[in-house]
Amino acid sequence: PGTAQIWKSGFLKNDFPDAAIDTMMESFEKAPKPVKSPVNPRADDDPAEQPPNLTFAFIEPLGGRIGDKGSSETAFFWRDSLFSFTFIGVYPPGDTSLADQMQSWTTGFRSALKPYLSDGVYVNYLQDDLPNWKYAYYGDNFHRLRAVKRAYDPDHLFSFPQDLLQS
């Protein structure tokens, strides 16, 4: 509660090398850290009062039963992926300087990981800066899902910048 967050993710290529893990570790060493407490301005003078660095990542294992269906049998296209990697930059919402640094860091981190990521991104982890988000989220299922959206939400009640009816 009370934090701002920037999420970036992607499906790791199934044969990602040790260099991918090295890139993750190196990127986290460069993560911006909060330098002042939003509730205790004197925290700058006392290291024990510094706000915690809450930036983190997780790898979700996929595979198993997910692969029992073909990529066109359900909405979820990326059934051959074995791992989803997500990292989250967390910062106090009022710290605009840290927000800018965090945006830069997350963009750079995802760019550094690009050689180890497939073209897909889990749709539950929306990212406003994906150049080909339709394919990244939905793969070859985008047009079929768009038709379903038109049939079941003709008034476009459920809308957001990257929904199925956006161009």
N, C-alpha and C. Protein backbone atom coordinates (compact mmCIF):
# COMPACT_ATOMS: atom_id res chain seq x y z
N PRO A 1 0.82 -1.20 0.00
CA PRO A 1 0.00 0.00 0.00
C PRO A 1 0.87 1.26 0.00
N GLY A 2 0.43 2.25 -0.75
CA GLY A 2 1.13 3.52 -0.77
C GLY A 2 2.37 3.55 -1.64
N THR A 3 2.49 2.63 -2.57
CA THR A 3 3.64 2.62 -3.46
C THR A 3 3.19 2.77 -4.91
N ALA A 4 4.11 3.24 -5.73
CA ALA A 4 3.90 3.24 -7.18
C ALA A 4 4.78 2.11 -7.73
N GLN A 5 4.36 1.54 -8.85
CA GLN A 5 5.08 0.39 -9.38
C GLN A 5 5.15 0.46 -10.90
N ILE A 6 6.25 -0.02 -11.44
CA ILE A 6 6.40 -0.20 -12.88
C ILE A 6 6.70 -1.67 -13.11
N TRP A 7 5.83 -2.34 -13.87
CA TRP A 7 5.98 -3.76 -14.15
C TRP A 7 6.50 -3.96 -15.56
N LYS A 8 7.44 -4.88 -15.71
CA LYS A 8 7.93 -5.31 -17.03
C LYS A 8 8.03 -6.83 -16.97
N SER A 9 7.72 -7.47 -18.07
CA SER A 9 7.81 -8.92 -18.07
C SER A 9 7.98 -9.45 -19.48
N GLY A 10 8.15 -10.73 -19.57
CA GLY A 10 8.24 -11.43 -20.84
C GLY A 10 8.44 -12.90 -20.58
N PHE A 11 8.17 -13.69 -21.59
CA PHE A 11 8.44 -15.12 -21.48
C PHE A 11 9.90 -15.35 -21.83
N LEU A 12 10.62 -15.99 -20.93
CA LEU A 12 12.01 -16.33 -21.21
C LEU A 12 12.05 -17.40 -22.30
N LYS A 13 13.03 -17.30 -23.18
CA LYS A 13 13.23 -18.38 -24.14
C LYS A 13 13.51 -19.64 -23.34
N ASN A 14 13.01 -20.76 -23.81
CA ASN A 14 13.08 -21.99 -23.04
C ASN A 14 14.49 -22.48 -22.78
N ASP A 15 15.44 -22.04 -23.57
CA ASP A 15 16.83 -22.48 -23.37
C ASP A 15 17.70 -21.30 -22.93
N PHE A 16 17.18 -20.46 -22.02
CA PHE A 16 17.95 -19.28 -21.64
C PHE A 16 19.24 -19.70 -20.92
N PRO A 17 20.35 -19.06 -21.29
CA PRO A 17 21.66 -19.44 -20.74
C PRO A 17 21.96 -18.75 -19.41
N ASP A 18 23.09 -19.13 -18.83
CA ASP A 18 23.54 -18.49 -17.59
C ASP A 18 23.70 -16.98 -17.78
N ALA A 19 24.01 -16.55 -18.99
CA ALA A 19 24.17 -15.11 -19.26
C ALA A 19 22.88 -14.36 -18.96
N ALA A 20 21.74 -15.00 -19.14
CA ALA A 20 20.46 -14.35 -18.81
C ALA A 20 20.38 -14.08 -17.31
N ILE A 21 20.78 -15.05 -16.51
CA ILE A 21 20.77 -14.87 -15.06
C ILE A 21 21.78 -13.81 -14.66
N ASP A 22 22.95 -13.82 -15.31
CA ASP A 22 23.95 -12.77 -15.04
C ASP A 22 23.37 -11.39 -15.34
N THR A 23 22.65 -11.28 -16.46
CA THR A 23 22.03 -10.00 -16.83
C THR A 23 21.02 -9.57 -15.78
N MET A 24 20.23 -10.51 -15.28
CA MET A 24 19.25 -10.19 -14.23
C MET A 24 19.96 -9.67 -12.99
N MET A 25 20.99 -10.36 -12.57
CA MET A 25 21.71 -9.97 -11.36
C MET A 25 22.38 -8.60 -11.53
N GLU A 26 23.02 -8.39 -12.68
CA GLU A 26 23.68 -7.11 -12.95
C GLU A 26 22.65 -5.98 -12.98
N SER A 27 21.51 -6.24 -13.57
CA SER A 27 20.47 -5.21 -13.65
C SER A 27 19.95 -4.85 -12.27
N PHE A 28 19.77 -5.83 -11.41
CA PHE A 28 19.30 -5.53 -10.06
C PHE A 28 20.32 -4.75 -9.25
N GLU A 29 21.59 -4.97 -9.53
CA GLU A 29 22.62 -4.18 -8.83
C GLU A 29 22.52 -2.71 -9.20
N LYS A 30 21.96 -2.41 -10.37
CA LYS A 30 21.82 -1.03 -10.84
C LYS A 30 20.48 -0.41 -10.50
N ALA A 31 19.61 -1.16 -9.82
CA ALA A 31 18.26 -0.66 -9.52
C ALA A 31 18.32 0.61 -8.68
N PRO A 32 17.54 1.63 -9.06
CA PRO A 32 17.48 2.84 -8.23
C PRO A 32 16.90 2.50 -6.86
N LYS A 33 17.38 3.20 -5.87
CA LYS A 33 16.91 2.94 -4.51
C LYS A 33 16.37 4.25 -3.92
N PRO A 34 15.33 4.15 -3.11
CA PRO A 34 14.82 5.36 -2.47
C PRO A 34 15.88 5.94 -1.54
N VAL A 35 15.99 7.24 -1.52
CA VAL A 35 17.00 7.88 -0.68
C VAL A 35 16.40 8.69 0.46
N LYS A 36 15.11 8.91 0.43
CA LYS A 36 14.52 9.61 1.57
C LYS A 36 13.16 9.03 1.89
N SER A 37 12.83 9.08 3.11
CA SER A 37 11.58 8.53 3.59
C SER A 37 10.44 9.50 3.31
N PRO A 38 9.33 9.02 2.75
CA PRO A 38 8.20 9.93 2.53
C PRO A 38 7.54 10.35 3.84
N VAL A 39 7.76 9.61 4.92
CA VAL A 39 7.11 9.95 6.19
C VAL A 39 8.07 10.52 7.22
N ASN A 40 9.38 10.35 7.00
CA ASN A 40 10.35 10.84 7.98
C ASN A 40 11.48 11.55 7.25
N PRO A 41 11.36 12.87 7.06
CA PRO A 41 12.38 13.60 6.32
C PRO A 41 13.77 13.54 6.96
N ARG A 42 13.86 13.25 8.26
CA ARG A 42 15.17 13.15 8.91
C ARG A 42 15.86 11.82 8.59
N ALA A 43 15.20 10.94 7.86
CA ALA A 43 15.76 9.62 7.54
C ALA A 43 17.05 9.74 6.74
N ASP A 44 17.23 10.87 6.02
CA ASP A 44 18.46 11.06 5.25
C ASP A 44 19.69 11.00 6.15
N ASP A 45 19.52 11.40 7.40
CA ASP A 45 20.64 11.45 8.33
C ASP A 45 20.87 10.14 9.09
N ASP A 46 19.91 9.23 9.02
CA ASP A 46 19.99 8.00 9.80
C ASP A 46 19.76 6.80 8.89
N PRO A 47 20.81 6.03 8.58
CA PRO A 47 20.65 4.88 7.68
C PRO A 47 19.59 3.89 8.15
N ALA A 48 19.39 3.78 9.46
CA ALA A 48 18.38 2.85 9.97
C ALA A 48 16.98 3.30 9.60
N GLU A 49 16.81 4.57 9.26
CA GLU A 49 15.51 5.12 8.93
C GLU A 49 15.24 5.16 7.43
N GLN A 50 16.20 4.70 6.63
CA GLN A 50 16.03 4.74 5.18
C GLN A 50 14.86 3.84 4.76
N PRO A 51 14.10 4.25 3.76
CA PRO A 51 13.01 3.40 3.30
C PRO A 51 13.58 2.15 2.64
N PRO A 52 12.87 1.03 2.70
CA PRO A 52 13.39 -0.20 2.11
C PRO A 52 13.33 -0.14 0.58
N ASN A 53 14.24 -0.85 -0.04
CA ASN A 53 14.19 -1.02 -1.49
C ASN A 53 13.28 -2.21 -1.75
N LEU A 54 12.11 -1.95 -2.29
CA LEU A 54 11.11 -3.00 -2.50
C LEU A 54 11.09 -3.54 -3.92
N THR A 55 12.02 -3.13 -4.76
CA THR A 55 12.08 -3.61 -6.13
C THR A 55 12.38 -5.10 -6.13
N PHE A 56 11.66 -5.85 -6.95
CA PHE A 56 11.83 -7.31 -6.93
C PHE A 56 11.48 -7.93 -8.28
N ALA A 57 11.70 -9.24 -8.37
CA ALA A 57 11.39 -10.00 -9.58
C ALA A 57 10.88 -11.37 -9.19
N PHE A 58 10.21 -12.02 -10.14
CA PHE A 58 9.83 -13.41 -9.93
C PHE A 58 9.80 -14.14 -11.27
N ILE A 59 10.09 -15.41 -11.20
CA ILE A 59 10.02 -16.29 -12.37
C ILE A 59 8.88 -17.26 -12.10
N GLU A 60 7.91 -17.27 -13.01
CA GLU A 60 6.79 -18.19 -12.88
C GLU A 60 7.03 -19.38 -13.79
N PRO A 61 7.06 -20.58 -13.25
CA PRO A 61 7.21 -21.75 -14.11
C PRO A 61 5.89 -22.04 -14.82
N LEU A 62 5.99 -22.36 -16.08
CA LEU A 62 4.82 -22.72 -16.87
C LEU A 62 5.00 -24.20 -17.25
N GLY A 63 4.74 -24.55 -18.47
CA GLY A 63 4.92 -25.94 -18.87
C GLY A 63 3.83 -26.82 -18.28
N GLY A 64 4.13 -28.09 -18.14
CA GLY A 64 3.16 -29.03 -17.59
C GLY A 64 1.87 -29.05 -18.39
N ARG A 65 0.74 -28.99 -17.69
CA ARG A 65 -0.58 -29.10 -18.32
C ARG A 65 -0.89 -27.95 -19.27
N ILE A 66 -0.20 -26.83 -19.12
CA ILE A 66 -0.43 -25.70 -20.02
C ILE A 66 -0.20 -26.12 -21.46
N GLY A 67 0.78 -26.99 -21.68
CA GLY A 67 1.11 -27.44 -23.02
C GLY A 67 0.17 -28.50 -23.58
N ASP A 68 -0.81 -28.94 -22.79
CA ASP A 68 -1.75 -29.95 -23.27
C ASP A 68 -2.70 -29.42 -24.34
N LYS A 69 -2.87 -28.12 -24.39
CA LYS A 69 -3.73 -27.49 -25.39
C LYS A 69 -2.85 -26.82 -26.44
N GLY A 70 -3.36 -26.71 -27.64
CA GLY A 70 -2.65 -26.00 -28.69
C GLY A 70 -2.79 -24.50 -28.51
N SER A 71 -1.91 -23.74 -29.14
CA SER A 71 -1.91 -22.28 -28.97
C SER A 71 -3.18 -21.61 -29.49
N SER A 72 -3.92 -22.26 -30.37
CA SER A 72 -5.16 -21.65 -30.88
C SER A 72 -6.42 -22.22 -30.24
N GLU A 73 -6.27 -23.11 -29.28
CA GLU A 73 -7.45 -23.73 -28.66
C GLU A 73 -8.10 -22.87 -27.57
N THR A 74 -7.35 -21.93 -27.02
CA THR A 74 -7.89 -21.02 -25.99
C THR A 74 -7.33 -19.63 -26.28
N ALA A 75 -7.68 -18.68 -25.45
CA ALA A 75 -7.17 -17.32 -25.64
C ALA A 75 -5.66 -17.23 -25.41
N PHE A 76 -5.12 -18.08 -24.52
CA PHE A 76 -3.70 -18.02 -24.18
C PHE A 76 -2.88 -18.69 -25.28
N PHE A 77 -2.09 -17.90 -25.97
CA PHE A 77 -1.33 -18.35 -27.14
C PHE A 77 0.01 -18.99 -26.78
N TRP A 78 0.69 -18.49 -25.76
CA TRP A 78 2.10 -18.82 -25.51
C TRP A 78 2.28 -20.10 -24.71
N ARG A 79 1.65 -21.18 -25.14
CA ARG A 79 1.65 -22.44 -24.40
C ARG A 79 2.95 -23.20 -24.45
N ASP A 80 3.85 -22.84 -25.33
CA ASP A 80 5.14 -23.54 -25.40
C ASP A 80 6.19 -22.89 -24.50
N SER A 81 5.85 -21.78 -23.87
CA SER A 81 6.80 -21.10 -22.97
C SER A 81 6.88 -21.83 -21.64
N LEU A 82 8.09 -21.92 -21.10
CA LEU A 82 8.29 -22.62 -19.83
C LEU A 82 8.43 -21.68 -18.63
N PHE A 83 8.77 -20.39 -18.90
CA PHE A 83 8.98 -19.46 -17.79
C PHE A 83 8.53 -18.05 -18.17
N SER A 84 7.83 -17.42 -17.24
CA SER A 84 7.52 -16.00 -17.37
C SER A 84 8.38 -15.27 -16.34
N PHE A 85 9.08 -14.23 -16.78
CA PHE A 85 9.93 -13.45 -15.88
C PHE A 85 9.34 -12.06 -15.75
N THR A 86 9.13 -11.63 -14.52
CA THR A 86 8.56 -10.31 -14.25
C THR A 86 9.43 -9.60 -13.23
N PHE A 87 9.70 -8.33 -13.47
CA PHE A 87 10.41 -7.53 -12.48
C PHE A 87 9.63 -6.24 -12.28
N ILE A 88 9.68 -5.76 -11.06
CA ILE A 88 8.83 -4.64 -10.66
C ILE A 88 9.66 -3.61 -9.92
N GLY A 89 9.65 -2.40 -10.44
CA GLY A 89 10.29 -1.27 -9.77
C GLY A 89 9.28 -0.61 -8.86
N VAL A 90 9.59 -0.51 -7.58
CA VAL A 90 8.67 0.04 -6.58
C VAL A 90 9.28 1.31 -6.00
N TYR A 91 8.46 2.34 -5.87
CA TYR A 91 8.96 3.62 -5.36
C TYR A 91 7.81 4.42 -4.74
N PRO A 92 8.14 5.38 -3.89
CA PRO A 92 7.09 6.24 -3.32
C PRO A 92 6.46 7.09 -4.43
N PRO A 93 5.15 7.16 -4.51
CA PRO A 93 4.49 7.87 -5.61
C PRO A 93 4.83 9.36 -5.70
N GLY A 94 5.21 9.98 -4.62
CA GLY A 94 5.52 11.40 -4.65
C GLY A 94 6.94 11.72 -5.07
N ASP A 95 7.76 10.72 -5.25
CA ASP A 95 9.17 10.93 -5.59
C ASP A 95 9.34 10.91 -7.11
N THR A 96 9.15 12.06 -7.74
CA THR A 96 9.19 12.11 -9.21
C THR A 96 10.58 11.80 -9.76
N SER A 97 11.61 12.18 -9.03
CA SER A 97 12.96 11.87 -9.48
C SER A 97 13.19 10.37 -9.51
N LEU A 98 12.77 9.68 -8.45
CA LEU A 98 12.92 8.22 -8.42
C LEU A 98 12.01 7.57 -9.45
N ALA A 99 10.84 8.14 -9.69
CA ALA A 99 9.94 7.60 -10.71
C ALA A 99 10.62 7.62 -12.08
N ASP A 100 11.27 8.74 -12.41
CA ASP A 100 11.98 8.84 -13.68
C ASP A 100 13.13 7.84 -13.76
N GLN A 101 13.86 7.72 -12.67
CA GLN A 101 14.97 6.75 -12.63
C GLN A 101 14.46 5.33 -12.78
N MET A 102 13.34 5.03 -12.12
CA MET A 102 12.77 3.68 -12.17
C MET A 102 12.27 3.36 -13.58
N GLN A 103 11.67 4.35 -14.24
CA GLN A 103 11.21 4.14 -15.61
C GLN A 103 12.40 3.83 -16.51
N SER A 104 13.45 4.58 -16.36
CA SER A 104 14.67 4.36 -17.14
C SER A 104 15.27 2.99 -16.85
N TRP A 105 15.33 2.64 -15.59
CA TRP A 105 15.92 1.36 -15.20
C TRP A 105 15.11 0.18 -15.74
N THR A 106 13.77 0.23 -15.59
CA THR A 106 12.96 -0.90 -16.06
C THR A 106 13.05 -1.04 -17.57
N THR A 107 13.06 0.08 -18.28
CA THR A 107 13.19 0.03 -19.74
C THR A 107 14.55 -0.55 -20.13
N GLY A 108 15.60 -0.11 -19.46
CA GLY A 108 16.94 -0.62 -19.75
C GLY A 108 17.08 -2.09 -19.39
N PHE A 109 16.47 -2.51 -18.28
CA PHE A 109 16.53 -3.90 -17.84
C PHE A 109 15.86 -4.78 -18.89
N ARG A 110 14.66 -4.39 -19.33
CA ARG A 110 13.95 -5.21 -20.33
C ARG A 110 14.75 -5.25 -21.63
N SER A 111 15.35 -4.16 -22.00
CA SER A 111 16.17 -4.11 -23.21
C SER A 111 17.38 -5.05 -23.08
N ALA A 112 18.02 -5.05 -21.92
CA ALA A 112 19.17 -5.94 -21.70
C ALA A 112 18.77 -7.41 -21.76
N LEU A 113 17.52 -7.70 -21.38
CA LEU A 113 17.03 -9.09 -21.40
C LEU A 113 16.52 -9.53 -22.77
N LYS A 114 16.38 -8.60 -23.68
CA LYS A 114 15.76 -8.92 -24.97
C LYS A 114 16.32 -10.18 -25.65
N PRO A 115 17.65 -10.41 -25.64
CA PRO A 115 18.15 -11.62 -26.29
C PRO A 115 17.64 -12.92 -25.65
N TYR A 116 17.13 -12.84 -24.42
CA TYR A 116 16.72 -14.04 -23.69
C TYR A 116 15.20 -14.17 -23.58
N LEU A 117 14.47 -13.23 -24.19
CA LEU A 117 13.01 -13.25 -24.13
C LEU A 117 12.43 -13.64 -25.48
N SER A 118 11.30 -14.34 -25.43
CA SER A 118 10.56 -14.63 -26.66
C SER A 118 9.78 -13.37 -27.04
N ASP A 119 8.92 -13.47 -28.02
CA ASP A 119 8.11 -12.31 -28.44
C ASP A 119 6.88 -12.10 -27.57
N GLY A 120 6.60 -13.04 -26.67
CA GLY A 120 5.37 -12.99 -25.90
C GLY A 120 5.52 -12.34 -24.54
N VAL A 121 4.39 -11.82 -24.06
CA VAL A 121 4.27 -11.22 -22.73
C VAL A 121 2.93 -11.66 -22.16
N TYR A 122 2.92 -12.05 -20.90
CA TYR A 122 1.67 -12.46 -20.26
C TYR A 122 0.73 -11.26 -20.19
N VAL A 123 -0.46 -11.40 -20.71
CA VAL A 123 -1.40 -10.28 -20.84
C VAL A 123 -1.81 -9.69 -19.48
N ASN A 124 -1.71 -10.44 -18.41
CA ASN A 124 -2.05 -9.89 -17.10
C ASN A 124 -1.03 -8.87 -16.61
N TYR A 125 0.13 -8.80 -17.28
CA TYR A 125 1.17 -7.85 -16.91
C TYR A 125 1.32 -6.81 -18.02
N LEU A 126 0.29 -6.03 -18.21
CA LEU A 126 0.26 -5.04 -19.28
C LEU A 126 1.41 -4.06 -19.18
N GLN A 127 1.94 -3.70 -20.35
CA GLN A 127 3.06 -2.76 -20.42
C GLN A 127 2.75 -1.74 -21.51
N ASP A 128 2.68 -0.48 -21.12
CA ASP A 128 2.25 0.55 -22.06
C ASP A 128 3.25 0.87 -23.15
N ASP A 129 4.46 0.34 -23.07
CA ASP A 129 5.47 0.69 -24.06
C ASP A 129 5.84 -0.47 -25.00
N LEU A 130 5.00 -1.48 -25.08
CA LEU A 130 5.28 -2.58 -26.01
C LEU A 130 4.91 -2.15 -27.42
N PRO A 131 5.85 -2.18 -28.36
CA PRO A 131 5.55 -1.71 -29.72
C PRO A 131 4.56 -2.62 -30.46
N ASN A 132 4.59 -3.91 -30.23
CA ASN A 132 3.68 -4.82 -30.92
C ASN A 132 2.87 -5.60 -29.89
N TRP A 133 2.15 -4.87 -29.04
CA TRP A 133 1.45 -5.48 -27.92
C TRP A 133 0.40 -6.49 -28.36
N LYS A 134 -0.23 -6.28 -29.50
CA LYS A 134 -1.27 -7.23 -29.95
C LYS A 134 -0.69 -8.63 -30.09
N TYR A 135 0.44 -8.72 -30.75
CA TYR A 135 1.09 -10.03 -30.91
C TYR A 135 1.71 -10.49 -29.59
N ALA A 136 2.35 -9.57 -28.86
CA ALA A 136 3.01 -9.94 -27.60
C ALA A 136 2.02 -10.58 -26.62
N TYR A 137 0.81 -10.06 -26.53
CA TYR A 137 -0.17 -10.61 -25.59
C TYR A 137 -0.94 -11.79 -26.16
N TYR A 138 -1.34 -11.68 -27.42
CA TYR A 138 -2.32 -12.62 -27.97
C TYR A 138 -1.79 -13.51 -29.08
N GLY A 139 -0.58 -13.29 -29.55
CA GLY A 139 -0.03 -14.10 -30.63
C GLY A 139 -0.94 -14.08 -31.84
N ASP A 140 -1.09 -15.22 -32.45
CA ASP A 140 -1.93 -15.34 -33.65
C ASP A 140 -3.42 -15.36 -33.32
N ASN A 141 -3.78 -15.28 -32.04
CA ASN A 141 -5.19 -15.32 -31.63
C ASN A 141 -5.85 -13.94 -31.60
N PHE A 142 -5.11 -12.88 -31.87
CA PHE A 142 -5.65 -11.53 -31.71
C PHE A 142 -6.94 -11.30 -32.49
N HIS A 143 -6.98 -11.62 -33.78
CA HIS A 143 -8.16 -11.31 -34.60
C HIS A 143 -9.38 -12.11 -34.16
N ARG A 144 -9.18 -13.35 -33.77
CA ARG A 144 -10.30 -14.17 -33.28
C ARG A 144 -10.82 -13.60 -31.96
N LEU A 145 -9.91 -13.19 -31.07
CA LEU A 145 -10.33 -12.62 -29.79
C LEU A 145 -11.02 -11.27 -29.99
N ARG A 146 -10.57 -10.51 -30.98
CA ARG A 146 -11.22 -9.23 -31.29
C ARG A 146 -12.67 -9.47 -31.72
N ALA A 147 -12.90 -10.51 -32.51
CA ALA A 147 -14.27 -10.83 -32.94
C ALA A 147 -15.13 -11.21 -31.74
N VAL A 148 -14.58 -11.95 -30.79
CA VAL A 148 -15.32 -12.32 -29.58
C VAL A 148 -15.64 -11.06 -28.78
N LYS A 149 -14.69 -10.18 -28.66
CA LYS A 149 -14.90 -8.91 -27.93
C LYS A 149 -16.04 -8.11 -28.58
N ARG A 150 -16.03 -8.02 -29.89
CA ARG A 150 -17.09 -7.28 -30.59
C ARG A 150 -18.46 -7.91 -30.35
N ALA A 151 -18.51 -9.25 -30.30
CA ALA A 151 -19.78 -9.94 -30.11
C ALA A 151 -20.31 -9.79 -28.68
N TYR A 152 -19.44 -9.86 -27.70
CA TYR A 152 -19.87 -9.88 -26.30
C TYR A 152 -19.78 -8.53 -25.60
N ASP A 153 -19.12 -7.56 -26.20
CA ASP A 153 -19.05 -6.21 -25.63
C ASP A 153 -19.24 -5.19 -26.76
N PRO A 154 -20.42 -5.25 -27.43
CA PRO A 154 -20.62 -4.38 -28.60
C PRO A 154 -20.58 -2.88 -28.27
N ASP A 155 -20.89 -2.52 -27.03
CA ASP A 155 -20.86 -1.11 -26.64
C ASP A 155 -19.49 -0.68 -26.11
N HIS A 156 -18.55 -1.60 -26.13
CA HIS A 156 -17.17 -1.33 -25.68
C HIS A 156 -17.15 -0.77 -24.27
N LEU A 157 -17.95 -1.40 -23.40
CA LEU A 157 -18.02 -1.00 -22.00
C LEU A 157 -16.66 -1.19 -21.31
N PHE A 158 -16.01 -2.31 -21.59
CA PHE A 158 -14.72 -2.60 -20.98
C PHE A 158 -13.63 -2.15 -21.94
N SER A 159 -13.05 -1.00 -21.66
CA SER A 159 -12.05 -0.46 -22.57
C SER A 159 -10.85 0.06 -21.78
N PHE A 160 -9.71 0.01 -22.42
CA PHE A 160 -8.46 0.54 -21.89
C PHE A 160 -7.53 0.70 -23.08
N PRO A 161 -6.42 1.40 -22.93
CA PRO A 161 -5.59 1.74 -24.09
C PRO A 161 -5.09 0.55 -24.93
N GLN A 162 -4.96 -0.63 -24.34
CA GLN A 162 -4.48 -1.78 -25.11
C GLN A 162 -5.55 -2.88 -25.19
N ASP A 163 -6.80 -2.51 -25.25
CA ASP A 163 -7.80 -3.58 -25.35
C ASP A 163 -7.93 -4.07 -26.78
N LEU A 164 -8.70 -5.10 -26.97
CA LEU A 164 -8.78 -5.79 -28.26
C LEU A 164 -9.36 -4.94 -29.38
N LEU A 165 -10.06 -3.87 -29.06
CA LEU A 165 -10.64 -3.04 -30.11
C LEU A 165 -9.77 -1.83 -30.48
N GLN A 166 -8.65 -1.66 -29.79
CA GLN A 166 -7.76 -0.54 -30.14
C GLN A 166 -6.99 -0.88 -31.41
N SER A 167 -6.70 0.11 -32.20
CA SER A 167 -5.98 -0.16 -33.45
C SER A 167 -4.52 -0.30 -33.23
